[in-house]
Amino acid sequence: MSHESLQAIVGTAILDKQFLHDLLNSRREQAISRFELTPEERRVLRAIDAQTIEQFAFQLDDWIVGQEKKAYIAQVPSAFRYTYDPVPRLA
């Protein structure tokens, strides 16, 4: 899964102080409108509560890492997934 647009948002915020201000304040939707984002990415960006670019990037990175883990787990054949059965079975 590519997150190039999300990386571009963080990069733009580092370089453009007005964009950063809009991203961290009430104009976030307008700030991100020029980027090609999935509905889920838009939802995640709207949900971030950050006062600094560092906080914003950390929360966004957390989400990206979680998405990558989900994608990896989905690729692992089910026979290799660990399942825990807390109830012992009697033969």
PDB file of N, CA and C in Angstrom:
ATOM      1  N   MET A   1       0.847  -1.178   0.000  1.00  0.00           N
ATOM      2  CA  MET A   1       0.000   0.000   0.000  1.00  0.00           C
ATOM      3  C   MET A   1       0.892   1.240   0.000  1.00  0.00           C
ATOM      4  N   SER A   2       0.655   2.109  -0.945  1.00  0.00           N
ATOM      5  CA  SER A   2       1.462   3.319  -1.066  1.00  0.00           C
ATOM      6  C   SER A   2       0.806   4.465  -0.309  1.00  0.00           C
ATOM      7  N   HIS A   3       1.612   5.205   0.377  1.00  0.00           N
ATOM      8  CA  HIS A   3       1.112   6.354   1.133  1.00  0.00           C
ATOM      9  C   HIS A   3       1.844   7.620   0.690  1.00  0.00           C
ATOM     10  N   GLU A   4       2.097   7.720  -0.611  1.00  0.00           N
ATOM     11  CA  GLU A   4       2.855   8.848  -1.135  1.00  0.00           C
ATOM     12  C   GLU A   4       2.184  10.185  -0.845  1.00  0.00           C
ATOM     13  N   SER A   5       0.870  10.240  -0.966  1.00  0.00           N
ATOM     14  CA  SER A   5       0.165  11.498  -0.705  1.00  0.00           C
ATOM     15  C   SER A   5       0.291  11.905   0.758  1.00  0.00           C
ATOM     16  N   LEU A   6       0.255  10.936   1.653  1.00  0.00           N
ATOM     17  CA  LEU A   6       0.408  11.249   3.078  1.00  0.00           C
ATOM     18  C   LEU A   6       1.813  11.766   3.357  1.00  0.00           C
ATOM     19  N   GLN A   7       2.802  11.161   2.719  1.00  0.00           N
ATOM     20  CA  GLN A   7       4.181  11.638   2.873  1.00  0.00           C
ATOM     21  C   GLN A   7       4.333  13.040   2.300  1.00  0.00           C
ATOM     22  N   ALA A   8       3.649  13.301   1.196  1.00  0.00           N
ATOM     23  CA  ALA A   8       3.704  14.629   0.578  1.00  0.00           C
ATOM     24  C   ALA A   8       3.072  15.682   1.483  1.00  0.00           C
ATOM     25  N   ILE A   9       2.030  15.313   2.203  1.00  0.00           N
ATOM     26  CA  ILE A   9       1.384  16.251   3.123  1.00  0.00           C
ATOM     27  C   ILE A   9       2.357  16.650   4.228  1.00  0.00           C
ATOM     28  N   VAL A  10       3.024  15.674   4.812  1.00  0.00           N
ATOM     29  CA  VAL A  10       3.984  15.976   5.876  1.00  0.00           C
ATOM     30  C   VAL A  10       5.143  16.809   5.320  1.00  0.00           C
ATOM     31  N   GLY A  11       5.643  16.449   4.164  1.00  0.00           N
ATOM     32  CA  GLY A  11       6.721  17.212   3.546  1.00  0.00           C
ATOM     33  C   GLY A  11       6.318  18.644   3.246  1.00  0.00           C
ATOM     34  N   THR A  12       5.116  18.823   2.738  1.00  0.00           N
ATOM     35  CA  THR A  12       4.620  20.170   2.448  1.00  0.00           C
ATOM     36  C   THR A  12       4.490  20.976   3.731  1.00  0.00           C
ATOM     37  N   ALA A  13       4.023  20.331   4.794  1.00  0.00           N
ATOM     38  CA  ALA A  13       3.878  21.031   6.081  1.00  0.00           C
ATOM     39  C   ALA A  13       5.225  21.482   6.634  1.00  0.00           C
ATOM     40  N   ILE A  14       6.256  20.720   6.379  1.00  0.00           N
ATOM     41  CA  ILE A  14       7.604  21.100   6.850  1.00  0.00           C
ATOM     42  C   ILE A  14       8.121  22.314   6.081  1.00  0.00           C
ATOM     43  N   LEU A  15       7.819  22.373   4.801  1.00  0.00           N
ATOM     44  CA  LEU A  15       8.351  23.436   3.952  1.00  0.00           C
ATOM     45  C   LEU A  15       7.481  24.689   3.880  1.00  0.00           C
ATOM     46  N   ASP A  16       6.165  24.535   4.079  1.00  0.00           N
ATOM     47  CA  ASP A  16       5.229  25.647   3.880  1.00  0.00           C
ATOM     48  C   ASP A  16       4.525  25.970   5.199  1.00  0.00           C
ATOM     49  N   LYS A  17       4.925  27.064   5.826  1.00  0.00           N
ATOM     50  CA  LYS A  17       4.396  27.421   7.158  1.00  0.00           C
ATOM     51  C   LYS A  17       2.895  27.698   7.130  1.00  0.00           C
ATOM     52  N   GLN A  18       2.379  28.293   6.051  1.00  0.00           N
ATOM     53  CA  GLN A  18       0.937  28.549   5.970  1.00  0.00           C
ATOM     54  C   GLN A  18       0.164  27.238   5.872  1.00  0.00           C
ATOM     55  N   PHE A  19       0.683  26.312   5.065  1.00  0.00           N
ATOM     56  CA  PHE A  19       0.058  24.995   4.953  1.00  0.00           C
ATOM     57  C   PHE A  19       0.065  24.300   6.313  1.00  0.00           C
ATOM     58  N   LEU A  20       1.194  24.369   7.012  1.00  0.00           N
ATOM     59  CA  LEU A  20       1.291  23.769   8.344  1.00  0.00           C
ATOM     60  C   LEU A  20       0.247  24.362   9.285  1.00  0.00           C
ATOM     61  N   HIS A  21       0.132  25.675   9.277  1.00  0.00           N
ATOM     62  CA  HIS A  21      -0.859  26.338  10.133  1.00  0.00           C
ATOM     63  C   HIS A  21      -2.266  25.847   9.805  1.00  0.00           C
ATOM     64  N   ASP A  22      -2.599  25.782   8.519  1.00  0.00           N
ATOM     65  CA  ASP A  22      -3.926  25.308   8.108  1.00  0.00           C
ATOM     66  C   ASP A  22      -4.131  23.842   8.490  1.00  0.00           C
ATOM     67  N   LEU A  23      -3.097  23.034   8.339  1.00  0.00           N
ATOM     68  CA  LEU A  23      -3.186  21.603   8.647  1.00  0.00           C
ATOM     69  C   LEU A  23      -3.451  21.356  10.127  1.00  0.00           C
ATOM     70  N   LEU A  24      -2.833  22.163  10.983  1.00  0.00           N
ATOM     71  CA  LEU A  24      -2.967  21.965  12.425  1.00  0.00           C
ATOM     72  C   LEU A  24      -4.148  22.714  13.028  1.00  0.00           C
ATOM     73  N   ASN A  25      -4.829  23.514  12.227  1.00  0.00           N
ATOM     74  CA  ASN A  25      -5.944  24.295  12.750  1.00  0.00           C
ATOM     75  C   ASN A  25      -7.230  23.966  12.003  1.00  0.00           C
ATOM     76  N   SER A  26      -8.141  24.856  12.006  1.00  0.00           N
ATOM     77  CA  SER A  26      -9.494  24.584  11.506  1.00  0.00           C
ATOM     78  C   SER A  26      -9.608  24.494   9.987  1.00  0.00           C
ATOM     79  N   ARG A  27      -8.535  24.675   9.253  1.00  0.00           N
ATOM     80  CA  ARG A  27      -8.610  24.627   7.790  1.00  0.00           C
ATOM     81  C   ARG A  27      -7.984  23.355   7.216  1.00  0.00           C
ATOM     82  N   ARG A  28      -7.976  22.304   7.991  1.00  0.00           N
ATOM     83  CA  ARG A  28      -7.321  21.066   7.562  1.00  0.00           C
ATOM     84  C   ARG A  28      -7.948  20.507   6.290  1.00  0.00           C
ATOM     85  N   GLU A  29      -9.268  20.474   6.239  1.00  0.00           N
ATOM     86  CA  GLU A  29      -9.946  19.905   5.066  1.00  0.00           C
ATOM     87  C   GLU A  29      -9.545  20.655   3.797  1.00  0.00           C
ATOM     88  N   GLN A  30      -9.480  21.957   3.871  1.00  0.00           N
ATOM     89  CA  GLN A  30      -9.071  22.756   2.722  1.00  0.00           C
ATOM     90  C   GLN A  30      -7.599  22.496   2.389  1.00  0.00           C
ATOM     91  N   ALA A  31      -6.769  22.358   3.405  1.00  0.00           N
ATOM     92  CA  ALA A  31      -5.338  22.137   3.184  1.00  0.00           C
ATOM     93  C   ALA A  31      -5.080  20.820   2.464  1.00  0.00           C
ATOM     94  N   ILE A  32      -5.810  19.770   2.814  1.00  0.00           N
ATOM     95  CA  ILE A  32      -5.547  18.454   2.217  1.00  0.00           C
ATOM     96  C   ILE A  32      -6.312  18.229   0.922  1.00  0.00           C
ATOM     97  N   SER A  33      -7.157  19.162   0.535  1.00  0.00           N
ATOM     98  CA  SER A  33      -8.014  18.963  -0.644  1.00  0.00           C
ATOM     99  C   SER A  33      -7.221  18.819  -1.942  1.00  0.00           C
ATOM    100  N   ARG A  34      -6.015  19.336  -2.010  1.00  0.00           N
ATOM    101  CA  ARG A  34      -5.239  19.257  -3.253  1.00  0.00           C
ATOM    102  C   ARG A  34      -4.497  17.940  -3.423  1.00  0.00           C
ATOM    103  N   PHE A  35      -4.592  17.062  -2.430  1.00  0.00           N
ATOM    104  CA  PHE A  35      -3.899  15.772  -2.489  1.00  0.00           C
ATOM    105  C   PHE A  35      -4.882  14.660  -2.832  1.00  0.00           C
ATOM    106  N   GLU A  36      -4.399  13.673  -3.581  1.00  0.00           N
ATOM    107  CA  GLU A  36      -5.222  12.507  -3.917  1.00  0.00           C
ATOM    108  C   GLU A  36      -5.172  11.532  -2.750  1.00  0.00           C
ATOM    109  N   LEU A  37      -6.282  11.430  -2.036  1.00  0.00           N
ATOM    110  CA  LEU A  37      -6.360  10.583  -0.839  1.00  0.00           C
ATOM    111  C   LEU A  37      -7.555   9.661  -0.930  1.00  0.00           C
ATOM    112  N   THR A  38      -7.416   8.505  -0.311  1.00  0.00           N
ATOM    113  CA  THR A  38      -8.565   7.607  -0.213  1.00  0.00           C
ATOM    114  C   THR A  38      -9.510   8.154   0.855  1.00  0.00           C
ATOM    115  N   PRO A  39     -10.757   7.728   0.847  1.00  0.00           N
ATOM    116  CA  PRO A  39     -11.678   8.161   1.909  1.00  0.00           C
ATOM    117  C   PRO A  39     -11.150   7.809   3.306  1.00  0.00           C
ATOM    118  N   GLU A  40     -10.507   6.653   3.440  1.00  0.00           N
ATOM    119  CA  GLU A  40      -9.957   6.265   4.738  1.00  0.00           C
ATOM    120  C   GLU A  40      -8.818   7.183   5.165  1.00  0.00           C
ATOM    121  N   GLU A  41      -7.957   7.543   4.227  1.00  0.00           N
ATOM    122  CA  GLU A  41      -6.867   8.465   4.544  1.00  0.00           C
ATOM    123  C   GLU A  41      -7.419   9.825   4.970  1.00  0.00           C
ATOM    124  N   ARG A  42      -8.450  10.302   4.276  1.00  0.00           N
ATOM    125  CA  ARG A  42      -9.084  11.576   4.663  1.00  0.00           C
ATOM    126  C   ARG A  42      -9.645  11.488   6.079  1.00  0.00           C
ATOM    127  N   ARG A  43     -10.290  10.356   6.376  1.00  0.00           N
ATOM    128  CA  ARG A  43     -10.874  10.167   7.703  1.00  0.00           C
ATOM    129  C   ARG A  43      -9.790  10.208   8.776  1.00  0.00           C
ATOM    130  N   VAL A  44      -8.691   9.518   8.519  1.00  0.00           N
ATOM    131  CA  VAL A  44      -7.584   9.479   9.476  1.00  0.00           C
ATOM    132  C   VAL A  44      -6.991  10.874   9.671  1.00  0.00           C
ATOM    133  N   LEU A  45      -6.774  11.592   8.578  1.00  0.00           N
ATOM    134  CA  LEU A  45      -6.212  12.945   8.676  1.00  0.00           C
ATOM    135  C   LEU A  45      -7.130  13.875   9.466  1.00  0.00           C
ATOM    136  N   ARG A  46      -8.438  13.739   9.268  1.00  0.00           N
ATOM    137  CA  ARG A  46      -9.390  14.574  10.017  1.00  0.00           C
ATOM    138  C   ARG A  46      -9.364  14.252  11.507  1.00  0.00           C
ATOM    139  N   ALA A  47      -9.066  13.013  11.845  1.00  0.00           N
ATOM    140  CA  ALA A  47      -9.131  12.564  13.240  1.00  0.00           C
ATOM    141  C   ALA A  47      -7.878  12.899  14.050  1.00  0.00           C
ATOM    142  N   ILE A  48      -6.803  13.242  13.392  1.00  0.00           N
ATOM    143  CA  ILE A  48      -5.553  13.536  14.105  1.00  0.00           C
ATOM    144  C   ILE A  48      -5.721  14.798  14.942  1.00  0.00           C
ATOM    145  N   ASP A  49      -5.304  14.699  16.195  1.00  0.00           N
ATOM    146  CA  ASP A  49      -5.344  15.834  17.117  1.00  0.00           C
ATOM    147  C   ASP A  49      -3.902  16.167  17.482  1.00  0.00           C
ATOM    148  N   ALA A  50      -3.351  17.193  16.829  1.00  0.00           N
ATOM    149  CA  ALA A  50      -1.937  17.525  17.031  1.00  0.00           C
ATOM    150  C   ALA A  50      -1.754  19.033  17.086  1.00  0.00           C
ATOM    151  N   GLN A  51      -0.792  19.431  17.901  1.00  0.00           N
ATOM    152  CA  GLN A  51      -0.445  20.846  18.011  1.00  0.00           C
ATOM    153  C   GLN A  51       0.836  21.177  17.255  1.00  0.00           C
ATOM    154  N   THR A  52       1.608  20.147  16.927  1.00  0.00           N
ATOM    155  CA  THR A  52       2.882  20.342  16.222  1.00  0.00           C
ATOM    156  C   THR A  52       2.970  19.365  15.052  1.00  0.00           C
ATOM    157  N   ILE A  53       3.871  19.659  14.129  1.00  0.00           N
ATOM    158  CA  ILE A  53       4.085  18.751  13.003  1.00  0.00           C
ATOM    159  C   ILE A  53       4.629  17.418  13.489  1.00  0.00           C
ATOM    160  N   GLU A  54       5.414  17.437  14.555  1.00  0.00           N
ATOM    161  CA  GLU A  54       5.946  16.187  15.103  1.00  0.00           C
ATOM    162  C   GLU A  54       4.824  15.286  15.614  1.00  0.00           C
ATOM    163  N   GLN A  55       3.884  15.872  16.338  1.00  0.00           N
ATOM    164  CA  GLN A  55       2.746  15.101  16.833  1.00  0.00           C
ATOM    165  C   GLN A  55       1.899  14.581  15.680  1.00  0.00           C
ATOM    166  N   PHE A  56       1.680  15.436  14.700  1.00  0.00           N
ATOM    167  CA  PHE A  56       0.893  15.057  13.529  1.00  0.00           C
ATOM    168  C   PHE A  56       1.551  13.877  12.813  1.00  0.00           C
ATOM    169  N   ALA A  57       2.850  14.010  12.535  1.00  0.00           N
ATOM    170  CA  ALA A  57       3.576  12.964  11.816  1.00  0.00           C
ATOM    171  C   ALA A  57       3.626  11.660  12.617  1.00  0.00           C
ATOM    172  N   PHE A  58       3.792  11.755  13.928  1.00  0.00           N
ATOM    173  CA  PHE A  58       3.838  10.558  14.768  1.00  0.00           C
ATOM    174  C   PHE A  58       2.509   9.799  14.703  1.00  0.00           C
ATOM    175  N   GLN A  59       1.393  10.520  14.831  1.00  0.00           N
ATOM    176  CA  GLN A  59       0.083   9.876  14.774  1.00  0.00           C
ATOM    177  C   GLN A  59      -0.182   9.277  13.404  1.00  0.00           C
ATOM    178  N   LEU A  60       0.216   9.990  12.367  1.00  0.00           N
ATOM    179  CA  LEU A  60       0.032   9.480  11.012  1.00  0.00           C
ATOM    180  C   LEU A  60       0.891   8.235  10.789  1.00  0.00           C
ATOM    181  N   ASP A  61       2.121   8.265  11.265  1.00  0.00           N
ATOM    182  CA  ASP A  61       3.006   7.108  11.131  1.00  0.00           C
ATOM    183  C   ASP A  61       2.446   5.900  11.885  1.00  0.00           C
ATOM    184  N   ASP A  62       1.889   6.127  13.051  1.00  0.00           N
ATOM    185  CA  ASP A  62       1.253   5.037  13.807  1.00  0.00           C
ATOM    186  C   ASP A  62       0.184   4.354  12.965  1.00  0.00           C
ATOM    187  N   TRP A  63      -0.640   5.147  12.311  1.00  0.00           N
ATOM    188  CA  TRP A  63      -1.708   4.591  11.484  1.00  0.00           C
ATOM    189  C   TRP A  63      -1.126   3.819  10.295  1.00  0.00           C
ATOM    190  N   ILE A  64      -0.117   4.403   9.641  1.00  0.00           N
ATOM    191  CA  ILE A  64       0.494   3.745   8.481  1.00  0.00           C
ATOM    192  C   ILE A  64       1.102   2.401   8.882  1.00  0.00           C
ATOM    193  N   VAL A  65       1.813   2.365   9.990  1.00  0.00           N
ATOM    194  CA  VAL A  65       2.418   1.114  10.464  1.00  0.00           C
ATOM    195  C   VAL A  65       1.329   0.076  10.743  1.00  0.00           C
ATOM    196  N   GLY A  66       0.242   0.508  11.354  1.00  0.00           N
ATOM    197  CA  GLY A  66      -0.879  -0.401  11.609  1.00  0.00           C
ATOM    198  C   GLY A  66      -1.456  -0.966  10.321  1.00  0.00           C
ATOM    199  N   GLN A  67      -1.556  -0.130   9.293  1.00  0.00           N
ATOM    200  CA  GLN A  67      -2.067  -0.584   7.999  1.00  0.00           C
ATOM    201  C   GLN A  67      -1.122  -1.587   7.359  1.00  0.00           C
ATOM    202  N   GLU A  68       0.162  -1.338   7.478  1.00  0.00           N
ATOM    203  CA  GLU A  68       1.142  -2.266   6.907  1.00  0.00           C
ATOM    204  C   GLU A  68       1.113  -3.609   7.624  1.00  0.00           C
ATOM    205  N   LYS A  69       0.926  -3.588   8.936  1.00  0.00           N
ATOM    206  CA  LYS A  69       0.821  -4.842   9.689  1.00  0.00           C
ATOM    207  C   LYS A  69      -0.408  -5.628   9.248  1.00  0.00           C
ATOM    208  N   LYS A  70      -1.534  -4.934   9.087  1.00  0.00           N
ATOM    209  CA  LYS A  70      -2.761  -5.598   8.627  1.00  0.00           C
ATOM    210  C   LYS A  70      -2.552  -6.224   7.246  1.00  0.00           C
ATOM    211  N   ALA A  71      -1.905  -5.488   6.363  1.00  0.00           N
ATOM    212  CA  ALA A  71      -1.666  -5.999   5.013  1.00  0.00           C
ATOM    213  C   ALA A  71      -0.761  -7.220   5.048  1.00  0.00           C
ATOM    214  N   TYR A  72       0.253  -7.199   5.903  1.00  0.00           N
ATOM    215  CA  TYR A  72       1.167  -8.332   6.021  1.00  0.00           C
ATOM    216  C   TYR A  72       0.434  -9.561   6.566  1.00  0.00           C
ATOM    217  N   ILE A  73      -0.336  -9.373   7.607  1.00  0.00           N
ATOM    218  CA  ILE A  73      -1.071 -10.489   8.211  1.00  0.00           C
ATOM    219  C   ILE A  73      -2.048 -11.090   7.215  1.00  0.00           C
ATOM    220  N   ALA A  74      -2.669 -10.255   6.409  1.00  0.00           N
ATOM    221  CA  ALA A  74      -3.629 -10.750   5.415  1.00  0.00           C
ATOM    222  C   ALA A  74      -2.943 -11.623   4.366  1.00  0.00           C
ATOM    223  N   GLN A  75      -1.641 -11.430   4.153  1.00  0.00           N
ATOM    224  CA  GLN A  75      -0.910 -12.212   3.158  1.00  0.00           C
ATOM    225  C   GLN A  75      -0.417 -13.547   3.702  1.00  0.00           C
ATOM    226  N   VAL A  76      -0.369 -13.692   5.013  1.00  0.00           N
ATOM    227  CA  VAL A  76       0.127 -14.925   5.613  1.00  0.00           C
ATOM    228  C   VAL A  76      -0.955 -15.998   5.472  1.00  0.00           C
ATOM    229  N   PRO A  77      -0.614 -17.141   4.896  1.00  0.00           N
ATOM    230  CA  PRO A  77      -1.610 -18.209   4.770  1.00  0.00           C
ATOM    231  C   PRO A  77      -2.179 -18.584   6.140  1.00  0.00           C
ATOM    232  N   SER A  78      -3.469 -18.833   6.172  1.00  0.00           N
ATOM    233  CA  SER A  78      -4.135 -19.087   7.448  1.00  0.00           C
ATOM    234  C   SER A  78      -3.555 -20.287   8.195  1.00  0.00           C
ATOM    235  N   ALA A  79      -2.973 -21.257   7.494  1.00  0.00           N
ATOM    236  CA  ALA A  79      -2.392 -22.432   8.154  1.00  0.00           C
ATOM    237  C   ALA A  79      -1.198 -22.039   9.024  1.00  0.00           C
ATOM    238  N   PHE A  80      -0.586 -20.901   8.731  1.00  0.00           N
ATOM    239  CA  PHE A  80       0.585 -20.468   9.490  1.00  0.00           C
ATOM    240  C   PHE A  80       0.250 -19.460  10.580  1.00  0.00           C
ATOM    241  N   ARG A  81      -0.978 -19.017  10.626  1.00  0.00           N
ATOM    242  CA  ARG A  81      -1.360 -18.069  11.669  1.00  0.00           C
ATOM    243  C   ARG A  81      -1.499 -18.797  12.991  1.00  0.00           C
ATOM    244  N   TYR A  82      -1.045 -18.167  14.014  1.00  0.00           N
ATOM    245  CA  TYR A  82      -1.122 -18.746  15.348  1.00  0.00           C
ATOM    246  C   TYR A  82      -2.528 -18.542  15.899  1.00  0.00           C
ATOM    247  N   THR A  83      -3.120 -19.601  16.345  1.00  0.00           N
ATOM    248  CA  THR A  83      -4.430 -19.494  16.992  1.00  0.00           C
ATOM    249  C   THR A  83      -4.304 -20.081  18.378  1.00  0.00           C
ATOM    250  N   TYR A  84      -4.890 -19.435  19.321  1.00  0.00           N
ATOM    251  CA  TYR A  84      -4.832 -19.862  20.701  1.00  0.00           C
ATOM    252  C   TYR A  84      -6.211 -20.326  21.130  1.00  0.00           C
ATOM    253  N   ASP A  85      -6.288 -21.534  21.564  1.00  0.00           N
ATOM    254  CA  ASP A  85      -7.554 -22.074  22.072  1.00  0.00           C
ATOM    255  C   ASP A  85      -7.420 -22.224  23.574  1.00  0.00           C
ATOM    256  N   PRO A  86      -8.062 -21.340  24.332  1.00  0.00           N
ATOM    257  CA  PRO A  86      -7.891 -21.378  25.786  1.00  0.00           C
ATOM    258  C   PRO A  86      -8.570 -22.578  26.450  1.00  0.00           C
ATOM    259  N   VAL A  87      -9.422 -23.277  25.715  1.00  0.00           N
ATOM    260  CA  VAL A  87     -10.118 -24.439  26.294  1.00  0.00           C
ATOM    261  C   VAL A  87      -9.439 -25.709  25.782  1.00  0.00           C
ATOM    262  N   PRO A  88      -8.795 -26.442  26.679  1.00  0.00           N
ATOM    263  CA  PRO A  88      -8.136 -27.671  26.215  1.00  0.00           C
ATOM    264  C   PRO A  88      -9.171 -28.691  25.727  1.00  0.00           C
ATOM    265  N   ARG A  89      -8.827 -29.370  24.676  1.00  0.00           N
ATOM    266  CA  ARG A  89      -9.726 -30.382  24.086  1.00  0.00           C
ATOM    267  C   ARG A  89      -9.304 -31.760  24.589  1.00  0.00           C
ATOM    268  N   LEU A  90     -10.273 -32.517  25.019  1.00  0.00           N
ATOM    269  CA  LEU A  90     -10.001 -33.893  25.444  1.00  0.00           C
ATOM    270  C   LEU A  90     -10.250 -34.820  24.277  1.00  0.00           C
ATOM    271  N   ALA A  91      -9.349 -35.730  24.085  1.00  0.00           N
ATOM    272  CA  ALA A  91      -9.476 -36.655  22.955  1.00  0.00           C
ATOM    273  C   ALA A  91     -10.415 -37.768  23.270  1.00  0.00           C
TER     274      ALA A  91
END
